Every structure is written in structure tokens, then in C-alpha cells.
């Protein structure tokens, strides 16, 4: 029955796309929660391993906490349900300088 084969193929294809999009959503939710881009993730990972070799602890200087990070990306003082809607409010920072932690908190002895 060719109809059943097409149905099975469509189901497997749809399930594969759903899995890929779910992983994509989870990965980017993590990146927003830690306030970093994909490139920054790999650079920060190398910085953290270098600091660990030196016996120090390292933190991402732009990670202000999960809620603050989401507010920086999706909009300040807006309800979370309106994050996907456009806004006329400018983002925090001037496009070059963004809010970050004190430098003393970024790397310290363990």
C-alpha cells in the first residue's frame, strides 16, 4: 500500500523536523539565559578552561542572571508574553557598551 508508506514517511520527516527545532530552541534558550552568542559560547569555554588550568574561577562578564538576560534580549520591563511583539523601546546599552559584571567578579582564585 503506497498510501501507508507515504504516511509513514511524512510522520518520520515531521518527527525529525520537530526534534531538530526542539534542540534548536533549547540551545538558543540556553544562550539567551547565559547572555552569549554562539561564537561567545566557544570563546568563553576556552577562557574558562584556561582559568581552570591556572586555578581560578571564570564567569561570563555579561551574564547578569537568567531573568535580566532575557529582559536584555527581549525587552526591559515588558510582560514575558509580549516578548515576541515589536517594540519602540531601545535596547539597553548604546550598541557598543552593554551592562556587565564588575571585573572583580569575572575571574577570582578558587
C-alpha atoms as a PDB file:
ATOM      1  CA  UNK A   1       0.000   0.000   0.000  1.00  0.00           C
ATOM      2  CA  UNK A   2       1.762   3.139  -1.207  1.00  0.00           C
ATOM      3  CA  UNK A   3      -0.522   5.420   0.829  1.00  0.00           C
ATOM      4  CA  UNK A   4       0.659   3.924   4.107  1.00  0.00           C
ATOM      5  CA  UNK A   5       4.307   4.301   3.083  1.00  0.00           C
ATOM      6  CA  UNK A   6       3.760   7.984   2.295  1.00  0.00           C
ATOM      7  CA  UNK A   7       2.015   8.472   5.629  1.00  0.00           C
ATOM      8  CA  UNK A   8       4.888   6.792   7.472  1.00  0.00           C
ATOM      9  CA  UNK A   9       7.447   8.845   5.540  1.00  0.00           C
ATOM     10  CA  UNK A  10       5.571  12.088   6.341  1.00  0.00           C
ATOM     11  CA  UNK A  11       5.342  11.127  10.014  1.00  0.00           C
ATOM     12  CA  UNK A  12       9.063  10.324  10.296  1.00  0.00           C
ATOM     13  CA  UNK A  13      10.003  13.505   8.437  1.00  0.00           C
ATOM     14  CA  UNK A  14       7.730  15.627  10.637  1.00  0.00           C
ATOM     15  CA  UNK A  15       9.113  13.990  13.776  1.00  0.00           C
ATOM     16  CA  UNK A  16      12.691  14.641  12.609  1.00  0.00           C
ATOM     17  CA  UNK A  17      11.962  18.311  11.953  1.00  0.00           C
ATOM     18  CA  UNK A  18      10.216  18.595  15.337  1.00  0.00           C
ATOM     19  CA  UNK A  19      13.251  17.096  17.087  1.00  0.00           C
ATOM     20  CA  UNK A  20      15.666  19.400  15.252  1.00  0.00           C
ATOM     21  CA  UNK A  21      13.594  22.510  16.039  1.00  0.00           C
ATOM     22  CA  UNK A  22      13.231  21.476  19.682  1.00  0.00           C
ATOM     23  CA  UNK A  23      17.007  21.103  20.032  1.00  0.00           C
ATOM     24  CA  UNK A  24      17.471  24.445  18.267  1.00  0.00           C
ATOM     25  CA  UNK A  25      15.003  26.115  20.661  1.00  0.00           C
ATOM     26  CA  UNK A  26      16.668  24.592  23.739  1.00  0.00           C
ATOM     27  CA  UNK A  27      20.162  25.587  22.577  1.00  0.00           C
ATOM     28  CA  UNK A  28      19.179  29.182  21.903  1.00  0.00           C
ATOM     29  CA  UNK A  29      17.194  29.406  25.141  1.00  0.00           C
ATOM     30  CA  UNK A  30      20.401  28.415  26.953  1.00  0.00           C
ATOM     31  CA  UNK A  31      22.386  31.030  25.004  1.00  0.00           C
ATOM     32  CA  UNK A  32      19.872  33.768  25.884  1.00  0.00           C
ATOM     33  CA  UNK A  33      19.756  32.630  29.529  1.00  0.00           C
ATOM     34  CA  UNK A  34      23.562  32.918  29.740  1.00  0.00           C
ATOM     35  CA  UNK A  35      23.632  36.101  27.611  1.00  0.00           C
ATOM     36  CA  UNK A  36      26.037  34.964  24.921  1.00  0.00           C
ATOM     37  CA  UNK A  37      26.167  34.320  21.204  1.00  0.00           C
ATOM     38  CA  UNK A  38      27.286  31.033  19.674  1.00  0.00           C
ATOM     39  CA  UNK A  39      30.766  32.407  18.984  1.00  0.00           C
ATOM     40  CA  UNK A  40      30.990  33.834  22.513  1.00  0.00           C
ATOM     41  CA  UNK A  41      29.988  30.419  23.887  1.00  0.00           C
ATOM     42  CA  UNK A  42      33.046  28.778  22.316  1.00  0.00           C
ATOM     43  CA  UNK A  43      35.367  31.659  23.294  1.00  0.00           C
ATOM     44  CA  UNK A  44      34.024  31.660  26.858  1.00  0.00           C
ATOM     45  CA  UNK A  45      34.520  27.911  27.059  1.00  0.00           C
ATOM     46  CA  UNK A  46      38.190  28.342  26.141  1.00  0.00           C
ATOM     47  CA  UNK A  47      38.589  31.210  28.641  1.00  0.00           C
ATOM     48  CA  UNK A  48      37.018  29.098  31.384  1.00  0.00           C
ATOM     49  CA  UNK A  49      39.337  26.161  30.665  1.00  0.00           C
ATOM     50  CA  UNK A  50      42.376  28.480  30.691  1.00  0.00           C
ATOM     51  CA  UNK A  51      41.263  29.933  34.037  1.00  0.00           C
ATOM     52  CA  UNK A  52      40.675  26.433  35.427  1.00  0.00           C
ATOM     53  CA  UNK A  53      44.236  25.438  34.456  1.00  0.00           C
ATOM     54  CA  UNK A  54      45.501  28.474  36.381  1.00  0.00           C
ATOM     55  CA  UNK A  55      43.406  27.509  39.415  1.00  0.00           C
ATOM     56  CA  UNK A  56      40.941  30.338  39.003  1.00  0.00           C
ATOM     57  CA  UNK A  57      37.203  30.524  38.544  1.00  0.00           C
ATOM     58  CA  UNK A  58      35.834  32.370  35.494  1.00  0.00           C
ATOM     59  CA  UNK A  59      32.373  33.830  34.780  1.00  0.00           C
ATOM     60  CA  UNK A  60      30.883  35.364  31.670  1.00  0.00           C
ATOM     61  CA  UNK A  61      31.005  39.129  32.371  1.00  0.00           C
ATOM     62  CA  UNK A  62      27.719  39.736  30.521  1.00  0.00           C
ATOM     63  CA  UNK A  63      25.734  37.060  32.381  1.00  0.00           C
ATOM     64  CA  UNK A  64      23.576  39.120  34.735  1.00  0.00           C
ATOM     65  CA  UNK A  65      21.238  36.276  35.702  1.00  0.00           C
ATOM     66  CA  UNK A  66      18.573  34.457  33.732  1.00  0.00           C
ATOM     67  CA  UNK A  67      15.747  36.983  34.126  1.00  0.00           C
ATOM     68  CA  UNK A  68      17.955  40.025  33.457  1.00  0.00           C
ATOM     69  CA  UNK A  69      19.459  38.313  30.417  1.00  0.00           C
ATOM     70  CA  UNK A  70      16.036  37.577  28.940  1.00  0.00           C
ATOM     71  CA  UNK A  71      14.982  41.169  29.625  1.00  0.00           C
ATOM     72  CA  UNK A  72      18.074  42.469  27.824  1.00  0.00           C
ATOM     73  CA  UNK A  73      17.322  40.369  24.760  1.00  0.00           C
ATOM     74  CA  UNK A  74      13.522  40.581  24.591  1.00  0.00           C
ATOM     75  CA  UNK A  75      12.836  43.934  26.215  1.00  0.00           C
ATOM     76  CA  UNK A  76      13.006  45.645  29.562  1.00  0.00           C
ATOM     77  CA  UNK A  77      10.001  45.872  31.902  1.00  0.00           C
ATOM     78  CA  UNK A  78       7.675  44.182  29.467  1.00  0.00           C
ATOM     79  CA  UNK A  79       5.464  41.218  30.243  1.00  0.00           C
ATOM     80  CA  UNK A  80       7.033  37.981  29.015  1.00  0.00           C
ATOM     81  CA  UNK A  81       4.035  37.240  26.772  1.00  0.00           C
ATOM     82  CA  UNK A  82       4.761  40.400  24.743  1.00  0.00           C
ATOM     83  CA  UNK A  83       8.413  39.500  24.058  1.00  0.00           C
ATOM     84  CA  UNK A  84       7.609  38.273  20.555  1.00  0.00           C
ATOM     85  CA  UNK A  85       5.858  41.528  19.614  1.00  0.00           C
ATOM     86  CA  UNK A  86       7.758  44.509  18.201  1.00  0.00           C
ATOM     87  CA  UNK A  87       8.622  47.431  20.465  1.00  0.00           C
ATOM     88  CA  UNK A  88       9.771  51.006  20.021  1.00  0.00           C
ATOM     89  CA  UNK A  89      11.898  50.998  23.183  1.00  0.00           C
ATOM     90  CA  UNK A  90      15.632  50.981  22.562  1.00  0.00           C
ATOM     91  CA  UNK A  91      17.639  48.063  23.962  1.00  0.00           C
ATOM     92  CA  UNK A  92      19.920  48.598  26.972  1.00  0.00           C
ATOM     93  CA  UNK A  93      23.365  49.945  26.165  1.00  0.00           C
ATOM     94  CA  UNK A  94      24.417  52.043  23.234  1.00  0.00           C
ATOM     95  CA  UNK A  95      25.286  49.208  20.842  1.00  0.00           C
ATOM     96  CA  UNK A  96      28.941  49.216  21.866  1.00  0.00           C
ATOM     97  CA  UNK A  97      28.865  49.128  25.673  1.00  0.00           C
ATOM     98  CA  UNK A  98      26.457  46.795  27.455  1.00  0.00           C
ATOM     99  CA  UNK A  99      25.693  46.178  31.145  1.00  0.00           C
ATOM    100  CA  UNK A 100      28.135  43.713  32.684  1.00  0.00           C
ATOM    101  CA  UNK A 101      29.511  42.408  35.979  1.00  0.00           C
ATOM    102  CA  UNK A 102      32.329  44.046  37.884  1.00  0.00           C
ATOM    103  CA  UNK A 103      35.728  42.866  36.688  1.00  0.00           C
ATOM    104  CA  UNK A 104      36.499  41.552  40.189  1.00  0.00           C
ATOM    105  CA  UNK A 105      33.641  39.044  39.841  1.00  0.00           C
ATOM    106  CA  UNK A 106      34.746  37.722  36.450  1.00  0.00           C
ATOM    107  CA  UNK A 107      37.934  35.877  37.473  1.00  0.00           C
ATOM    108  CA  UNK A 108      38.993  35.089  41.013  1.00  0.00           C
ATOM    109  CA  UNK A 109      41.005  32.480  42.901  1.00  0.00           C
ATOM    110  CA  UNK A 110      39.185  29.290  43.813  1.00  0.00           C
END
